[in-house]
Protein backbone atom coordinates (compact mmCIF):
# COMPACT_ATOMS: atom_id res chain seq x y z
CA SER A 1 -36.72 14.14 -15.54
CA PHE A 2 -37.33 14.72 -11.76
CA GLN A 3 -41.04 13.53 -12.01
CA LEU A 4 -39.78 10.45 -13.86
CA LEU A 5 -37.08 9.88 -11.12
CA THR A 6 -39.64 10.15 -8.22
CA ASN A 7 -41.85 7.20 -9.80
CA LEU A 8 -38.93 4.97 -9.06
CA GLN A 9 -37.63 3.63 -5.54
CA PHE A 10 -34.62 5.64 -4.77
CA ASN A 11 -31.87 6.05 -2.07
CA PRO A 12 -33.29 9.39 -0.66
CA PHE A 13 -29.62 10.57 -0.06
CA ALA A 14 -28.69 10.27 -3.70
CA LEU A 15 -31.92 11.78 -4.74
CA LYS A 16 -31.15 14.75 -2.44
CA PHE A 17 -27.55 15.20 -4.02
CA ILE A 18 -28.82 15.16 -7.50
CA TYR A 19 -31.63 17.50 -6.81
CA ARG A 20 -29.05 19.87 -5.35
CA HIS A 21 -27.02 19.79 -8.47
CA ILE A 22 -30.21 20.20 -10.60
CA ASN A 23 -30.43 23.77 -8.99
CA GLN A 24 -26.75 24.48 -9.71
CA ASP A 25 -26.83 23.67 -13.26
CA LYS A 26 -30.10 22.86 -14.69
CA MET A 27 -28.43 22.53 -18.50
CA THR A 28 -25.63 19.93 -17.55
CA THR A 29 -27.65 17.99 -14.91
CA SER A 30 -30.51 17.32 -17.09
CA VAL A 31 -28.27 15.43 -19.66
CA SER A 32 -26.80 13.37 -16.92
CA MET A 33 -30.28 12.70 -15.21
CA LYS A 34 -31.66 11.54 -18.63
CA SER A 35 -28.80 9.21 -18.92
CA ILE A 36 -29.17 7.73 -15.55
CA ILE A 37 -33.01 7.13 -16.35
CA ASP A 38 -32.40 5.59 -19.68
CA GLU A 39 -29.52 3.31 -18.24
CA THR A 40 -31.70 2.33 -15.43
CA LYS A 41 -34.75 1.46 -17.71
CA SER A 42 -32.72 -0.23 -20.43
CA GLN A 43 -31.15 -3.08 -18.15
CA GLU A 44 -33.07 -5.86 -16.60
CA PHE A 45 -31.69 -6.95 -13.13
CA ASN A 46 -31.13 -10.59 -12.15
CA GLU A 47 -34.01 -11.91 -10.03
CA GLU A 48 -31.68 -12.22 -7.10
CA LEU A 49 -30.78 -8.66 -7.28
CA LYS A 50 -34.23 -7.07 -7.61
CA GLU A 51 -34.37 -3.48 -6.65
CA GLN A 52 -34.80 -2.82 -3.05
CA GLU A 53 -36.02 0.42 -1.38
CA LEU A 54 -33.17 1.91 0.71
CA LYS A 55 -34.08 2.81 4.23
CA PHE A 56 -31.37 5.64 4.53
CA ASP A 57 -30.61 7.97 7.34
CA VAL A 58 -29.15 11.00 5.93
CA SER A 59 -28.07 12.32 9.08
CA MET A 60 -25.38 9.38 9.12
CA HIS A 61 -23.69 10.77 6.13
CA ASP A 62 -21.27 13.32 6.09
CA LEU A 63 -19.79 15.72 3.28
CA THR A 64 -17.05 13.12 2.42
CA ILE A 65 -19.65 10.73 1.07
CA GLN A 66 -21.32 13.58 -1.01
CA LYS A 67 -18.02 14.51 -2.57
CA SER A 68 -17.42 10.77 -3.50
CA LEU A 69 -20.82 10.12 -5.24
CA PRO A 70 -19.81 11.83 -8.47
CA LYS A 71 -16.86 9.14 -8.80
CA LEU A 72 -19.38 6.14 -8.89
CA ARG A 73 -19.17 4.43 -12.27
CA SER A 74 -22.93 4.46 -12.30
CA MET A 75 -25.55 6.32 -10.22
CA LYS A 76 -27.57 3.05 -10.04
CA SER A 77 -24.98 2.04 -7.47
CA ALA A 78 -26.24 4.82 -5.04
CA LEU A 79 -29.79 4.62 -6.28
CA PHE A 80 -30.56 0.87 -6.03
CA LYS A 81 -29.25 -1.95 -3.99
CA LEU A 82 -27.27 -4.03 -6.82
CA TYR A 83 -25.80 -6.73 -4.53
CA PRO A 84 -27.59 -9.83 -3.10
CA SER A 85 -28.54 -10.11 0.49
CA TYR A 86 -26.11 -11.90 2.67
CA LYS A 87 -28.72 -14.46 3.53
CA SER A 88 -29.07 -15.52 -0.24
CA LEU A 89 -25.64 -16.35 -0.42
CA SER A 90 -23.78 -19.62 1.20
CA SER A 91 -21.10 -19.20 3.53
CA ARG A 92 -19.10 -21.03 1.15
CA THR A 93 -19.65 -18.94 -1.87
CA ILE A 94 -16.76 -18.31 -4.22
CA HIS A 95 -16.44 -14.43 -4.74
CA GLN A 96 -14.39 -13.23 -7.74
CA ILE A 97 -13.95 -9.61 -9.11
CA TRP A 98 -13.93 -8.42 -12.53
CA ILE A 99 -14.33 -4.41 -12.47
CA GLN A 100 -15.89 -4.00 -16.05
CA GLY A 101 -18.37 -6.78 -15.36
CA GLU A 102 -19.31 -10.36 -16.73
CA GLU A 103 -19.83 -9.23 -20.23
CA HIS A 104 -16.58 -7.25 -20.56
CA LEU A 105 -14.78 -10.50 -19.20
CA GLN A 106 -16.56 -12.79 -21.89
CA GLU A 107 -15.40 -10.60 -24.62
CA ASN A 108 -12.00 -9.50 -23.78
CA ARG A 109 -10.71 -12.17 -21.51
CA PRO A 110 -12.47 -15.41 -22.68
CA HIS A 111 -9.87 -17.69 -21.18
CA PHE A 112 -10.90 -15.88 -17.76
CA TYR A 113 -14.52 -16.34 -18.38
CA LYS A 114 -13.91 -19.97 -19.03
CA ASN A 115 -12.34 -20.47 -15.97
CA PHE A 116 -15.13 -18.57 -14.18
CA LEU A 117 -17.57 -20.96 -15.86
CA GLU A 118 -15.61 -23.84 -14.57
CA TYR A 119 -15.61 -22.51 -11.00
CA LYS A 120 -19.43 -22.27 -11.20
CA GLU A 121 -19.69 -25.90 -12.71
CA ILE A 122 -17.36 -27.72 -10.41
CA ASN A 123 -18.58 -25.96 -7.30
CA LYS A 124 -22.24 -26.55 -8.03
CA GLY A 125 -23.29 -22.72 -8.70
CA HIS A 126 -21.74 -21.42 -5.45
CA THR A 127 -19.85 -18.69 -7.17
CA PHE A 128 -20.56 -14.91 -7.51
CA LEU A 129 -18.80 -12.47 -10.05
CA TRP A 130 -18.60 -8.74 -8.81
CA SER A 131 -18.51 -5.90 -10.98
CA GLU A 132 -17.49 -2.24 -9.89
CA GLU A 133 -21.17 -1.19 -10.01
CA MET A 134 -22.15 -3.87 -7.56
CA ILE A 135 -19.20 -3.28 -5.32
CA GLU A 136 -19.95 0.45 -5.08
CA SER A 137 -23.48 -0.18 -4.51
CA LEU A 138 -22.34 -2.31 -1.31
CA ILE A 139 -20.01 0.20 -0.19
CA VAL A 140 -22.58 3.12 -0.46
CA HIS A 141 -25.30 1.14 1.30
CA GLU A 142 -23.50 -0.99 3.92
CA TYR A 143 -20.05 0.84 4.31
CA PRO A 144 -20.53 4.54 3.30
CA HIS A 145 -17.49 5.65 5.53
CA LEU A 146 -15.12 3.58 3.28
CA LEU A 147 -16.42 5.12 -0.09
CA THR A 148 -14.01 7.82 -0.10
CA LEU A 149 -11.25 5.53 0.78
CA TYR A 150 -12.26 3.15 -2.11
CA HIS A 151 -12.10 6.16 -4.77
CA SER A 152 -8.84 7.52 -3.28
CA TYR A 153 -6.51 4.61 -4.40
CA SER A 154 -4.47 5.40 -7.42
CA HIS A 155 -4.14 1.84 -9.00
CA PHE A 156 -7.50 -0.22 -9.82
CA ILE A 157 -6.05 -3.39 -8.00
CA MET A 158 -6.04 -1.48 -4.78
CA ARG A 159 -9.66 -0.96 -5.17
CA VAL A 160 -10.14 -4.73 -5.98
CA ASP A 161 -8.05 -5.54 -2.83
CA VAL A 162 -10.12 -3.45 -0.61
CA ALA A 163 -13.32 -4.52 -2.24
CA LYS A 164 -12.49 -8.26 -1.42
CA TYR A 165 -12.03 -7.53 2.21
CA ILE A 166 -15.42 -5.58 2.28
CA ILE A 167 -17.12 -8.48 0.43
CA LEU A 168 -15.71 -11.26 2.76
CA HIS A 169 -16.67 -8.91 5.82
CA TYR A 170 -20.23 -8.81 4.68
CA TYR A 171 -20.66 -12.25 3.26
CA GLY A 172 -17.86 -14.60 4.44
CA GLY A 173 -16.83 -17.17 1.87
CA PHE A 174 -14.15 -17.68 -0.37
CA TYR A 175 -12.35 -15.14 -2.52
CA VAL A 176 -10.05 -16.30 -5.37
CA ASP A 177 -8.33 -14.09 -8.03
CA MET A 178 -9.86 -14.05 -11.47
CA ASP A 179 -6.35 -15.22 -13.07
CA SER A 180 -6.97 -18.80 -11.74
CA GLU A 181 -8.24 -22.18 -12.78
CA CYS A 182 -10.51 -24.27 -10.75
CA ARG A 183 -9.55 -28.11 -10.34
CA LEU A 184 -11.54 -29.37 -7.34
CA ASN A 185 -14.68 -28.43 -5.35
CA PHE A 186 -13.86 -26.14 -2.52
CA ASP A 187 -16.04 -28.15 0.06
CA GLY A 188 -12.90 -30.05 0.92
CA LEU A 189 -10.92 -26.76 1.33
CA ALA A 190 -13.55 -25.51 3.74
CA LYS A 191 -13.22 -28.53 5.94
CA MET A 192 -9.53 -27.98 6.41
CA SER A 193 -10.47 -25.04 8.53
CA ASN A 194 -9.61 -25.48 12.21
CA ASP A 195 -12.39 -24.77 14.65
CA GLY A 196 -14.16 -22.55 12.38
CA GLN A 197 -10.88 -20.31 11.51
CA PRO A 198 -10.06 -18.14 8.45
CA ILE A 199 -7.91 -19.86 5.98
CA VAL A 200 -4.89 -17.93 4.56
CA CYS A 201 -2.22 -19.33 1.94
CA LYS A 202 1.56 -19.25 2.69
CA VAL A 203 3.36 -19.10 -0.48
CA SER A 204 6.39 -21.54 -0.68
CA ASP A 205 6.86 -22.06 -4.36
CA ASP A 206 7.66 -18.76 -5.55
CA TYR A 207 11.19 -17.47 -4.82
CA ARG A 208 10.22 -13.82 -5.51
CA THR A 209 8.09 -13.68 -2.28
CA LYS A 210 11.25 -14.38 -0.04
CA MET A 211 12.58 -10.91 -1.03
CA TYR A 212 9.66 -9.49 0.80
CA SER A 213 8.98 -11.60 3.70
CA ARG A 214 10.46 -14.99 4.97
CA LYS A 215 6.80 -16.38 5.56
CA PHE A 216 4.86 -14.83 2.51
CA ILE A 217 0.96 -15.00 3.18
CA ASN A 218 -0.87 -13.94 -0.27
CA ASN A 219 -3.89 -12.41 -0.60
CA HIS A 220 -4.93 -13.92 -3.93
CA PHE A 221 -7.12 -16.51 -1.72
CA LEU A 222 -8.88 -16.27 1.44
CA TYR A 223 -11.62 -18.15 3.37
CA LEU A 224 -14.03 -16.67 5.93
CA PRO A 225 -16.27 -19.26 7.51
CA SER A 226 -18.53 -16.53 8.85
CA ARG A 227 -19.41 -13.04 8.11
CA LYS A 228 -18.24 -10.17 10.17
CA HIS A 229 -15.16 -12.08 11.37
CA PRO A 230 -12.90 -10.17 13.91
CA LEU A 231 -10.04 -10.48 11.46
CA MET A 232 -12.06 -8.70 8.78
CA ASP A 233 -13.28 -6.05 11.34
CA ILE A 234 -9.36 -5.27 11.82
CA MET A 235 -8.66 -5.23 8.06
CA LEU A 236 -11.42 -2.59 7.44
CA HIS A 237 -10.36 -0.47 10.60
CA GLU A 238 -6.73 -0.64 9.42
CA ALA A 239 -7.14 0.12 5.68
CA PRO A 240 -7.70 3.78 6.11
CA ILE A 241 -4.60 3.97 8.08
CA THR A 242 -2.41 2.42 5.67
CA ALA A 243 -3.68 4.09 2.69
CA LYS A 244 -1.45 7.25 2.83
CA ARG A 245 1.53 6.67 0.56
CA ARG A 246 5.09 7.20 2.15
CA PRO A 247 7.55 9.60 0.56
CA LEU A 248 9.46 7.91 -2.16
CA GLU A 249 7.77 4.73 -1.79
CA PRO A 250 7.60 2.84 -5.08
CA MET A 251 4.16 2.14 -6.44
CA ILE A 252 4.55 -1.72 -6.23
CA LEU A 253 5.78 -1.42 -2.62
CA TYR A 254 3.07 0.88 -1.77
CA ILE A 255 0.38 -1.62 -3.07
CA LEU A 256 1.73 -4.50 -1.24
CA ARG A 257 2.05 -2.53 2.05
CA ALA A 258 -1.23 -0.65 1.71
CA VAL A 259 -3.86 -3.11 0.74
CA GLY A 260 -1.91 -6.12 -0.53
CA PRO A 261 -0.11 -9.23 1.01
CA GLY A 262 1.90 -6.95 3.15
CA PHE A 263 -1.44 -5.30 4.50
CA LEU A 264 -2.91 -8.87 5.11
CA MET A 265 0.39 -10.01 7.15
CA HIS A 266 0.11 -6.72 8.91
CA CYS A 267 -3.54 -7.31 10.06
CA LEU A 268 -2.71 -10.92 11.00
CA LYS A 269 -0.24 -9.56 13.37
CA ILE A 270 -2.86 -7.39 15.23
CA TYR A 271 -5.45 -10.25 15.14
CA LYS A 272 -2.80 -12.52 16.66
CA LYS A 273 -2.03 -9.98 19.41
CA GLN A 274 -5.69 -9.56 19.98
CA CYS A 275 -6.34 -13.18 20.38
CA ASN A 276 -3.40 -13.48 22.81
CA LYS A 277 -4.65 -10.61 24.86
CA GLN A 278 -8.08 -12.26 25.21
CA ALA A 279 -6.76 -15.71 25.88
CA LYS A 280 -4.45 -14.52 28.64
CA SER A 281 -7.05 -12.18 30.29
CA ALA A 282 -9.20 -15.38 30.94
CA LEU A 283 -6.37 -16.91 32.74
CA THR A 284 -5.43 -16.56 36.50
CA GLY A 285 -2.55 -17.67 38.92
CA ALA A 286 0.36 -19.65 37.45
CA LYS A 287 -1.42 -20.25 34.16
CA LYS A 288 -1.41 -16.61 33.50
CA VAL A 289 2.26 -16.17 34.36
CA PHE A 290 3.49 -18.88 32.31
CA TYR A 291 1.08 -18.21 29.39
CA LYS A 292 2.57 -19.31 26.00
CA LYS A 293 1.74 -17.05 23.14
CA LEU A 294 -0.33 -18.08 20.36
CA LYS A 295 1.34 -18.08 16.93
CA THR A 296 -0.05 -17.16 13.59
CA GLU A 297 -0.89 -20.69 12.92
CA ASP A 298 -2.87 -20.86 16.21
CA VAL A 299 -5.31 -18.35 15.22
CA VAL A 300 -5.82 -18.70 11.50
CA THR A 301 -5.47 -21.99 9.34
CA VAL A 302 -2.46 -21.50 7.26
CA ILE A 303 -2.26 -23.70 4.13
CA ASP A 304 0.78 -24.10 1.95
CA SER A 305 0.18 -23.01 -1.60
CA ARG A 306 1.30 -26.40 -3.07
CA ILE A 307 -1.88 -27.83 -1.15
CA LEU A 308 -3.90 -25.02 -2.92
CA ASP A 309 -2.47 -26.12 -6.22
CA GLU A 310 -4.67 -29.24 -5.85
CA TYR A 311 -7.83 -27.23 -5.76
CA PHE A 312 -6.94 -24.34 -8.11
CA PHE A 313 -4.03 -23.22 -10.39
CA HIS A 314 -2.91 -19.60 -9.94
CA GLU A 315 -1.40 -18.06 -13.04
CA SER A 316 0.65 -15.54 -10.55
CA LYS A 317 1.86 -13.56 -13.21
CA ASN A 318 1.05 -10.30 -11.79
CA THR A 319 -1.81 -9.81 -14.24
CA TRP A 320 -2.57 -6.43 -12.58
CA LEU A 321 0.80 -5.19 -13.49
CA GLU A 322 0.46 -5.91 -16.99
CA ASP A 323 -0.31 -2.18 -17.95
CA GLN A 324 2.20 -0.40 -15.85
CA TRP A 325 5.31 -1.16 -13.44
CA MET A 326 5.27 2.61 -12.07
CA ASP A 327 3.21 5.52 -12.00
CA GLU A 328 3.90 9.25 -12.34
CA LYS A 329 4.88 9.63 -8.90
CA ASP A 330 7.44 6.99 -9.03
CA LYS A 331 9.02 8.68 -12.03
CA ASN A 332 9.09 12.16 -10.24
CA ASP A 333 10.63 10.48 -7.27
CA TYR A 334 13.25 8.81 -8.95
CA LEU A 335 14.15 12.12 -10.88
CA VAL A 336 14.26 13.97 -7.61
CA VAL A 337 16.69 11.30 -6.20
CA LEU A 338 18.74 11.30 -9.34
CA GLY A 339 18.91 15.14 -9.16
CA ALA A 340 19.83 14.86 -5.32
CA ILE A 341 22.82 12.43 -6.14
CA ALA A 342 23.95 14.79 -8.95
CA ILE A 343 24.09 17.76 -6.59
CA VAL A 344 25.88 15.66 -3.84
CA LEU A 345 28.55 14.24 -6.34
CA GLY A 346 28.94 17.71 -7.93
CA THR A 347 29.49 19.26 -4.32
CA SER A 348 31.75 16.57 -3.10
CA SER A 349 33.90 16.84 -6.24
CA LEU A 350 34.82 20.51 -5.22
CA PHE A 351 36.28 19.24 -1.98
CA VAL A 352 38.36 16.77 -3.55
CA MET A 353 39.58 18.36 -6.80
CA PRO A 354 43.40 18.88 -6.40
CA LEU A 355 44.91 22.34 -6.30
CA LYS A 356 46.99 23.41 -9.09
């Protein structure tokens, strides 16, 4: 098996990881090795995603990366670059994510697959569908410090959210949720960007968002006119910081705060503060004293959701919550709270009980 592997172009770091496990357990590893070889040889990659030899500096990677490798959906993600070069994709490419891949999408969600094909046709092929294998490959090769974070999220939608930020940081372009239907070519939408600013969507036609924030900016849509934009730098820096779940924090609020719309709004505040600091530092004298702070609308282009409706229809039915509204931690937390309330009520009744 090892001789067969060495005939292929591999990531030396991943190869070293596999070889170490061969020595630890030859019996079990030989099976997994054979499956990797069979899987690799059985699938033909798209011409745009030709296998590339990876120039990997092992010294740059620590033990946390090694511990995350076994969690990959497929070892091909570590062994090969399964994602296109940033030069091969237009800055107006529409990125979409379906964790299980295009074939699964076609078979299990035909209406979503039909929408994806319509996006492709209306936007003249400037679309790209990401599977988890491709996402993990991008992270392993370009953002290895985020691999452990990516695998730490308890809900798949959190991995989708952080993946979209990584993709837009690396490529720029559009991101649109899978549960949407294209209506117009996005070229007109890109032209709405003020002076090359990112475009975000303010939701004004969904009353539920008012319960979370008065000015709710959703993350189902984003546009970055260029790769490695400062806003995306902030988002990738903040993601590990907000990832820890707070005590008694419900799952849905955790998702919104850690990587969802709440996280996007949090990063926009930091970006606005950064822009204000830079703008004020360039001034002198009276202009600096009477400097008027920039608002969110001054640093990013904010588009109303009703305008976006002209370009695509978003089902907005919380597709990601179809399978579960709470996780085991929520259930345990609620039991703890109910138990605490029962104890408090039981104790208080002793003090108010009338004497006979």
